[in-house]
């Protein structure tokens, strides 16, 4: 039943550092892009939305008044 002795203060600090690094990596991916990359992503999203809307069938509304 011998286990490793762990300093809880150091463990908490290391965990906090890793969480901050994970969050920083996510923010770098979201905000650290060039204007060309942002434009390309926006264009691809718009193209996908148009393609999706083309398959949409509109039905006339039946007014029962």
C-alpha atoms as a PDB file:
ATOM      1  CA  UNK A   1       0.000   0.000   0.000  1.00  0.00           C
ATOM      2  CA  UNK A   2       2.906   2.287  -0.617  1.00  0.00           C
ATOM      3  CA  UNK A   3       2.067   5.096  -2.971  1.00  0.00           C
ATOM      4  CA  UNK A   4       3.847   8.103  -4.297  1.00  0.00           C
ATOM      5  CA  UNK A   5       3.799  11.159  -2.107  1.00  0.00           C
ATOM      6  CA  UNK A   6       2.183  14.042  -3.971  1.00  0.00           C
ATOM      7  CA  UNK A   7       2.447  17.690  -3.063  1.00  0.00           C
ATOM      8  CA  UNK A   8      -1.144  18.900  -3.523  1.00  0.00           C
ATOM      9  CA  UNK A   9      -0.136  22.529  -4.002  1.00  0.00           C
ATOM     10  CA  UNK A  10       2.159  21.620  -6.904  1.00  0.00           C
ATOM     11  CA  UNK A  11      -0.462  19.271  -8.327  1.00  0.00           C
ATOM     12  CA  UNK A  12      -3.120  22.027  -8.294  1.00  0.00           C
ATOM     13  CA  UNK A  13      -0.745  24.509  -9.924  1.00  0.00           C
ATOM     14  CA  UNK A  14       0.203  22.032 -12.646  1.00  0.00           C
ATOM     15  CA  UNK A  15      -3.470  21.276 -13.307  1.00  0.00           C
ATOM     16  CA  UNK A  16      -4.262  24.998 -13.531  1.00  0.00           C
ATOM     17  CA  UNK A  17      -1.361  25.515 -15.970  1.00  0.00           C
ATOM     18  CA  UNK A  18      -2.546  22.702 -18.210  1.00  0.00           C
ATOM     19  CA  UNK A  19      -6.121  24.070 -18.198  1.00  0.00           C
ATOM     20  CA  UNK A  20      -4.873  27.551 -19.121  1.00  0.00           C
ATOM     21  CA  UNK A  21      -2.749  26.103 -21.927  1.00  0.00           C
ATOM     22  CA  UNK A  22      -5.720  24.143 -23.277  1.00  0.00           C
ATOM     23  CA  UNK A  23      -7.880  27.280 -23.253  1.00  0.00           C
ATOM     24  CA  UNK A  24      -5.095  29.309 -24.910  1.00  0.00           C
ATOM     25  CA  UNK A  25      -4.808  26.707 -27.664  1.00  0.00           C
ATOM     26  CA  UNK A  26      -8.543  26.935 -28.340  1.00  0.00           C
ATOM     27  CA  UNK A  27      -8.384  30.732 -28.497  1.00  0.00           C
ATOM     28  CA  UNK A  28      -5.380  30.625 -30.832  1.00  0.00           C
ATOM     29  CA  UNK A  29      -7.381  28.411 -33.169  1.00  0.00           C
ATOM     30  CA  UNK A  30     -10.406  30.716 -33.038  1.00  0.00           C
ATOM     31  CA  UNK A  31      -8.767  34.142 -33.170  1.00  0.00           C
ATOM     32  CA  UNK A  32      -5.270  33.577 -34.510  1.00  0.00           C
ATOM     33  CA  UNK A  33      -6.241  33.190 -38.151  1.00  0.00           C
ATOM     34  CA  UNK A  34      -5.372  35.365 -41.098  1.00  0.00           C
ATOM     35  CA  UNK A  35      -7.983  37.395 -42.919  1.00  0.00           C
ATOM     36  CA  UNK A  36      -7.747  35.015 -45.887  1.00  0.00           C
ATOM     37  CA  UNK A  37      -8.487  32.018 -43.672  1.00  0.00           C
ATOM     38  CA  UNK A  38     -11.469  33.781 -42.108  1.00  0.00           C
ATOM     39  CA  UNK A  39     -12.798  34.736 -45.548  1.00  0.00           C
ATOM     40  CA  UNK A  40     -12.381  31.165 -46.809  1.00  0.00           C
ATOM     41  CA  UNK A  41     -14.228  29.744 -43.802  1.00  0.00           C
ATOM     42  CA  UNK A  42     -17.045  32.261 -44.212  1.00  0.00           C
ATOM     43  CA  UNK A  43     -17.363  31.450 -47.929  1.00  0.00           C
ATOM     44  CA  UNK A  44     -17.452  27.712 -47.273  1.00  0.00           C
ATOM     45  CA  UNK A  45     -20.130  28.166 -44.613  1.00  0.00           C
ATOM     46  CA  UNK A  46     -22.252  30.300 -46.943  1.00  0.00           C
ATOM     47  CA  UNK A  47     -21.891  27.736 -49.754  1.00  0.00           C
ATOM     48  CA  UNK A  48     -22.954  24.923 -47.439  1.00  0.00           C
ATOM     49  CA  UNK A  49     -25.953  26.961 -46.239  1.00  0.00           C
ATOM     50  CA  UNK A  50     -27.047  27.716 -49.826  1.00  0.00           C
ATOM     51  CA  UNK A  51     -26.735  24.049 -50.728  1.00  0.00           C
ATOM     52  CA  UNK A  52     -28.859  23.124 -47.745  1.00  0.00           C
ATOM     53  CA  UNK A  53     -31.481  25.763 -48.582  1.00  0.00           C
ATOM     54  CA  UNK A  54     -31.770  24.511 -52.165  1.00  0.00           C
ATOM     55  CA  UNK A  55     -33.133  21.208 -50.900  1.00  0.00           C
ATOM     56  CA  UNK A  56     -35.755  22.915 -48.743  1.00  0.00           C
ATOM     57  CA  UNK A  57     -39.348  22.467 -49.889  1.00  0.00           C
ATOM     58  CA  UNK A  58     -41.703  25.304 -49.083  1.00  0.00           C
ATOM     59  CA  UNK A  59     -45.321  24.432 -48.592  1.00  0.00           C
ATOM     60  CA  UNK A  60     -48.098  26.968 -48.912  1.00  0.00           C
ATOM     61  CA  UNK A  61     -49.697  28.017 -45.658  1.00  0.00           C
ATOM     62  CA  UNK A  62     -53.308  26.965 -45.279  1.00  0.00           C
ATOM     63  CA  UNK A  63     -55.312  29.746 -43.642  1.00  0.00           C
ATOM     64  CA  UNK A  64     -58.422  28.380 -41.940  1.00  0.00           C
ATOM     65  CA  UNK A  65     -60.070  31.701 -41.070  1.00  0.00           C
END
